[in-house]
Amino acid sequence: MRAMTSLATIELQTRETPRFSILVLHGLGADGNDFVPVCQALDLRPVLAHGGLRFVLPTAPEIPVTLNGGMRMRAWYDIRNGDLTRREDADGVRASQALIEDLIAREEREHGIPPERVVLMGFSQGCAMTLMTGLRHPRKLAGLVGLSGYLPLLETTEAERHAANADTPIFLAHGTNDGVVVPARAQASLAELRRLGHEVEWHEYPMAHEVSMDEIQALQAWLEKTLTAAAG
């Protein structure tokens, strides 16, 4: 683990000179280690025919979280209300957006991987930050992956999104029994993204706030297709 652009990261790499990067953002209270097993479970050998692959798993800053009585924990932004739609922490979301944009820039600066070959991926709060950052990023990204999350600052998305990522493919998956990010919140996010004309591949699974093997297999197929397209 090393500190870069104010965030500690775990980095998994298949070759010395990789061509693609997947930035993986964890959920509330977790850290960069949380999704290492998922990254290791993804069989992306067909992608490797086009070049090496990096997984970059940053750890969010430690901040007080209102919903948890002000206890400090790893979080991309504060959660002030359980329904996730009232009193959103816009300042916190935007601060983390800047940190994630710095990570995207670092991939090109230090590893020669432009945004066009970077996938943003996140779970729960990490999903929210993936959509927040990816839709507003001024350069085209290879794809966006949101697991068990939602679209933050939904009302400002249309005005703030950047044309560079209007056609960027999006993979969203959610559990029908999710009691943390309720399915209705995810469905509202899906509806808004589709209303705005974004290409979204949507999956539902009979699970709670978690990741399933069926979901990983669907994500693997999507990543193969998306990264192969990004290879040109």
Protein backbone atom coordinates (compact mmCIF):
# COMPACT_ATOMS: atom_id res chain seq x y z
CA MET A 1 0.00 0.00 0.00
CA ARG A 2 1.34 3.46 -0.87
CA ALA A 3 0.10 7.00 -0.59
CA MET A 4 -0.53 8.72 -3.92
CA THR A 5 -2.56 11.85 -4.64
CA SER A 6 -3.66 11.88 -0.96
CA LEU A 7 -5.07 8.36 -1.18
CA ALA A 8 -3.48 5.05 -0.20
CA THR A 9 -3.82 2.46 -2.95
CA ILE A 10 -3.46 -1.27 -3.43
CA GLU A 11 -2.27 -2.10 -6.94
CA LEU A 12 -2.52 -5.45 -8.74
CA GLN A 13 -0.80 -5.66 -12.11
CA THR A 14 -0.53 -8.42 -14.71
CA ARG A 15 2.44 -7.07 -16.67
CA GLU A 16 5.28 -4.59 -16.25
CA THR A 17 3.79 -2.28 -18.90
CA PRO A 18 -0.03 -2.57 -18.63
CA ARG A 19 -2.42 -1.06 -21.17
CA PHE A 20 -5.63 -0.88 -19.14
CA SER A 21 -6.59 0.21 -15.61
CA ILE A 22 -9.63 -0.57 -13.47
CA LEU A 23 -10.02 1.77 -10.49
CA VAL A 24 -12.11 0.08 -7.80
CA LEU A 25 -13.83 2.19 -5.11
CA HIS A 26 -14.96 0.50 -1.89
CA GLY A 27 -18.05 1.14 0.19
CA LEU A 28 -18.66 2.85 3.54
CA GLY A 29 -16.40 1.67 6.36
CA ALA A 30 -14.28 -0.60 4.16
CA ASP A 31 -10.87 0.03 2.56
CA GLY A 32 -8.89 -0.86 -0.53
CA ASN A 33 -8.52 -4.48 0.59
CA ASP A 34 -12.27 -5.08 0.39
CA PHE A 35 -12.47 -5.83 -3.32
CA VAL A 36 -9.13 -7.57 -3.82
CA PRO A 37 -10.88 -11.01 -3.83
CA VAL A 38 -13.36 -9.80 -6.47
CA CYS A 39 -10.53 -8.53 -8.68
CA GLN A 40 -8.74 -11.84 -8.29
CA ALA A 41 -11.94 -13.74 -9.17
CA LEU A 42 -12.32 -11.93 -12.51
CA ASP A 43 -10.91 -14.03 -15.35
CA LEU A 44 -9.94 -11.42 -17.94
CA ARG A 45 -7.45 -13.46 -19.96
CA PRO A 46 -9.10 -12.49 -23.28
CA VAL A 47 -8.38 -8.85 -22.44
CA LEU A 48 -4.72 -9.62 -21.80
CA ALA A 49 -4.31 -10.45 -25.49
CA HIS A 50 -4.56 -6.69 -26.01
CA GLY A 51 -2.14 -5.73 -23.22
CA GLY A 52 -1.56 -5.88 -19.47
CA LEU A 53 -4.10 -4.82 -16.86
CA ARG A 54 -3.89 -2.90 -13.59
CA PHE A 55 -6.36 -2.92 -10.71
CA VAL A 56 -6.01 0.15 -8.50
CA LEU A 57 -7.92 0.01 -5.20
CA PRO A 58 -7.76 3.27 -3.22
CA THR A 59 -8.78 3.72 0.40
CA ALA A 60 -11.13 6.61 1.19
CA PRO A 61 -10.24 9.25 3.80
CA GLU A 62 -11.36 8.76 7.41
CA ILE A 63 -14.18 11.20 8.25
CA PRO A 64 -17.01 11.51 10.83
CA VAL A 65 -20.20 9.86 9.54
CA THR A 66 -23.43 11.38 10.87
CA LEU A 67 -25.54 8.24 10.39
CA ASN A 68 -23.13 6.35 12.66
CA GLY A 69 -23.28 8.88 15.47
CA GLY A 70 -20.37 10.91 14.16
CA MET A 71 -17.94 8.01 14.45
CA ARG A 72 -14.91 8.39 12.19
CA MET A 73 -14.57 5.77 9.48
CA ARG A 74 -13.43 5.31 5.91
CA ALA A 75 -15.99 7.07 3.71
CA TRP A 76 -16.07 8.95 0.44
CA TYR A 77 -18.62 11.38 1.92
CA ASP A 78 -20.89 11.82 4.92
CA ILE A 79 -24.21 9.97 5.17
CA ARG A 80 -26.62 12.30 6.97
CA ASN A 81 -29.91 10.47 6.46
CA GLY A 82 -30.77 6.84 5.89
CA ASP A 83 -32.91 7.40 2.79
CA LEU A 84 -29.87 8.80 0.89
CA THR A 85 -31.95 11.44 -0.90
CA ARG A 86 -32.19 14.14 1.78
CA ARG A 87 -29.37 16.47 2.87
CA GLU A 88 -26.77 14.89 0.63
CA ASP A 89 -23.17 15.79 1.46
CA ALA A 90 -22.49 17.62 -1.80
CA ASP A 91 -19.22 19.12 -0.56
CA GLY A 92 -17.91 15.72 0.50
CA VAL A 93 -18.92 14.10 -2.77
CA ARG A 94 -17.18 16.81 -4.77
CA ALA A 95 -14.03 16.60 -2.64
CA SER A 96 -13.78 12.85 -3.28
CA GLN A 97 -14.50 13.44 -6.96
CA ALA A 98 -11.34 15.55 -7.12
CA LEU A 99 -9.29 12.79 -5.45
CA ILE A 100 -10.57 10.20 -7.92
CA GLU A 101 -9.88 12.49 -10.87
CA ASP A 102 -6.32 12.78 -9.59
CA LEU A 103 -6.05 8.97 -9.63
CA ILE A 104 -7.26 8.87 -13.24
CA ALA A 105 -4.67 11.49 -14.19
CA ARG A 106 -1.95 9.55 -12.36
CA GLU A 107 -2.62 6.46 -14.48
CA GLU A 108 -1.72 8.41 -17.62
CA ARG A 109 1.11 10.38 -16.05
CA GLU A 110 2.88 7.44 -14.38
CA HIS A 111 1.76 4.43 -16.41
CA GLY A 112 0.90 5.80 -19.84
CA ILE A 113 -2.74 4.66 -19.57
CA PRO A 114 -5.09 7.38 -20.87
CA PRO A 115 -8.65 7.77 -19.52
CA GLU A 116 -9.95 6.07 -22.68
CA ARG A 117 -8.53 2.79 -21.32
CA VAL A 118 -9.60 3.30 -17.69
CA VAL A 119 -12.71 1.74 -16.14
CA LEU A 120 -14.14 3.26 -12.95
CA MET A 121 -15.83 0.68 -10.73
CA GLY A 122 -17.39 0.97 -7.28
CA PHE A 123 -19.59 -0.66 -4.66
CA SER A 124 -22.25 1.24 -2.65
CA GLN A 125 -20.64 4.63 -1.85
CA GLY A 126 -17.98 3.64 -4.37
CA CYS A 127 -20.72 3.19 -6.97
CA ALA A 128 -22.01 6.66 -6.18
CA MET A 129 -18.53 8.12 -6.63
CA THR A 130 -18.03 6.18 -9.87
CA LEU A 131 -21.16 7.72 -11.39
CA MET A 132 -20.49 11.15 -9.90
CA THR A 133 -16.95 11.30 -11.25
CA GLY A 134 -17.34 9.35 -14.46
CA LEU A 135 -20.27 11.29 -15.86
CA ARG A 136 -18.52 14.62 -15.19
CA HIS A 137 -15.01 13.67 -16.31
CA PRO A 138 -13.79 15.91 -19.16
CA ARG A 139 -12.18 13.05 -21.09
CA LYS A 140 -13.82 9.86 -22.27
CA LEU A 141 -13.46 6.82 -19.99
CA ALA A 142 -13.61 3.19 -21.14
CA GLY A 143 -16.56 2.35 -18.88
CA LEU A 144 -18.33 2.78 -15.55
CA VAL A 145 -19.32 -0.04 -13.18
CA GLY A 146 -21.75 0.54 -10.30
CA LEU A 147 -22.56 -2.26 -7.85
CA SER A 148 -25.28 -1.92 -5.18
CA GLY A 149 -25.26 1.87 -5.31
CA TYR A 150 -27.01 4.90 -6.72
CA LEU A 151 -26.58 8.18 -8.61
CA PRO A 152 -25.70 10.98 -6.16
CA LEU A 153 -26.77 14.59 -6.68
CA LEU A 154 -29.27 13.22 -9.17
CA GLU A 155 -30.92 16.59 -9.79
CA THR A 156 -27.67 18.22 -10.93
CA THR A 157 -26.42 15.40 -13.15
CA GLU A 158 -27.99 16.64 -16.36
CA ALA A 159 -26.51 20.12 -16.03
CA GLU A 160 -23.07 18.98 -14.80
CA ARG A 161 -22.34 15.90 -16.91
CA HIS A 162 -19.69 16.21 -19.60
CA ALA A 163 -20.31 15.39 -23.25
CA ALA A 164 -17.07 13.37 -23.33
CA ASN A 165 -18.80 10.52 -21.46
CA ALA A 166 -22.25 10.73 -23.00
CA ASP A 167 -21.67 7.40 -24.81
CA THR A 168 -19.53 5.65 -22.19
CA PRO A 169 -20.95 2.18 -21.44
CA ILE A 170 -22.30 1.68 -17.91
CA PHE A 171 -22.78 -1.60 -16.00
CA LEU A 172 -25.15 -1.44 -13.01
CA ALA A 173 -26.13 -4.33 -10.73
CA HIS A 174 -28.25 -4.41 -7.59
CA GLY A 175 -29.79 -6.82 -5.11
CA THR A 176 -33.58 -7.03 -4.93
CA ASN A 177 -33.29 -7.54 -1.15
CA ASP A 178 -30.86 -4.69 -0.50
CA GLY A 179 -31.79 -2.98 2.76
CA VAL A 180 -28.92 -0.46 2.68
CA VAL A 181 -29.40 1.10 -0.75
CA VAL A 182 -33.02 0.17 -1.34
CA PRO A 183 -33.91 -1.06 -4.85
CA ALA A 184 -36.19 1.94 -5.45
CA ARG A 185 -33.19 4.29 -5.11
CA ALA A 186 -31.21 2.25 -7.62
CA GLN A 187 -34.17 2.09 -9.99
CA ALA A 188 -34.56 5.88 -9.83
CA SER A 189 -30.88 6.23 -10.74
CA LEU A 190 -31.27 3.83 -13.65
CA ALA A 191 -34.33 5.70 -14.91
CA GLU A 192 -32.51 9.04 -14.80
CA LEU A 193 -29.44 7.70 -16.60
CA ARG A 194 -31.59 6.21 -19.34
CA ARG A 195 -33.66 9.39 -19.59
CA LEU A 196 -30.42 11.25 -20.23
CA GLY A 197 -29.57 8.81 -23.02
CA HIS A 198 -26.79 6.83 -21.33
CA GLU A 199 -26.11 3.25 -22.38
CA VAL A 200 -26.76 1.13 -19.26
CA GLU A 201 -26.55 -2.64 -18.88
CA TRP A 202 -28.73 -3.42 -15.85
CA HIS A 203 -28.70 -6.60 -13.71
CA GLU A 204 -30.79 -7.57 -10.67
CA TYR A 205 -30.03 -10.46 -8.31
CA PRO A 206 -31.93 -12.00 -5.37
CA MET A 207 -29.38 -10.80 -2.80
CA ALA A 208 -28.87 -8.18 -0.10
CA HIS A 209 -26.15 -5.49 0.01
CA GLU A 210 -23.42 -7.77 -1.29
CA VAL A 211 -21.75 -9.23 -4.37
CA SER A 212 -22.71 -12.58 -5.90
CA MET A 213 -20.86 -14.99 -8.20
CA ASP A 214 -23.53 -14.56 -10.88
CA GLU A 215 -22.90 -10.82 -10.72
CA ILE A 216 -19.14 -11.31 -11.03
CA GLN A 217 -19.64 -13.52 -14.09
CA ALA A 218 -21.87 -10.91 -15.76
CA LEU A 219 -19.35 -8.19 -14.91
CA GLN A 220 -16.52 -10.29 -16.32
CA ALA A 221 -18.31 -10.62 -19.67
CA TRP A 222 -19.04 -6.88 -19.73
CA LEU A 223 -15.43 -5.98 -18.91
CA GLU A 224 -14.13 -8.28 -21.65
CA LYS A 225 -16.41 -6.57 -24.20
CA THR A 226 -15.73 -3.05 -22.94
CA LEU A 227 -11.95 -3.29 -22.63
CA THR A 228 -11.61 -5.09 -25.96
CA ALA A 229 -13.53 -2.19 -27.56
CA ALA A 230 -11.25 0.29 -25.77
CA ALA A 231 -8.18 -1.49 -27.17
CA GLY A 232 -9.12 -0.20 -30.62
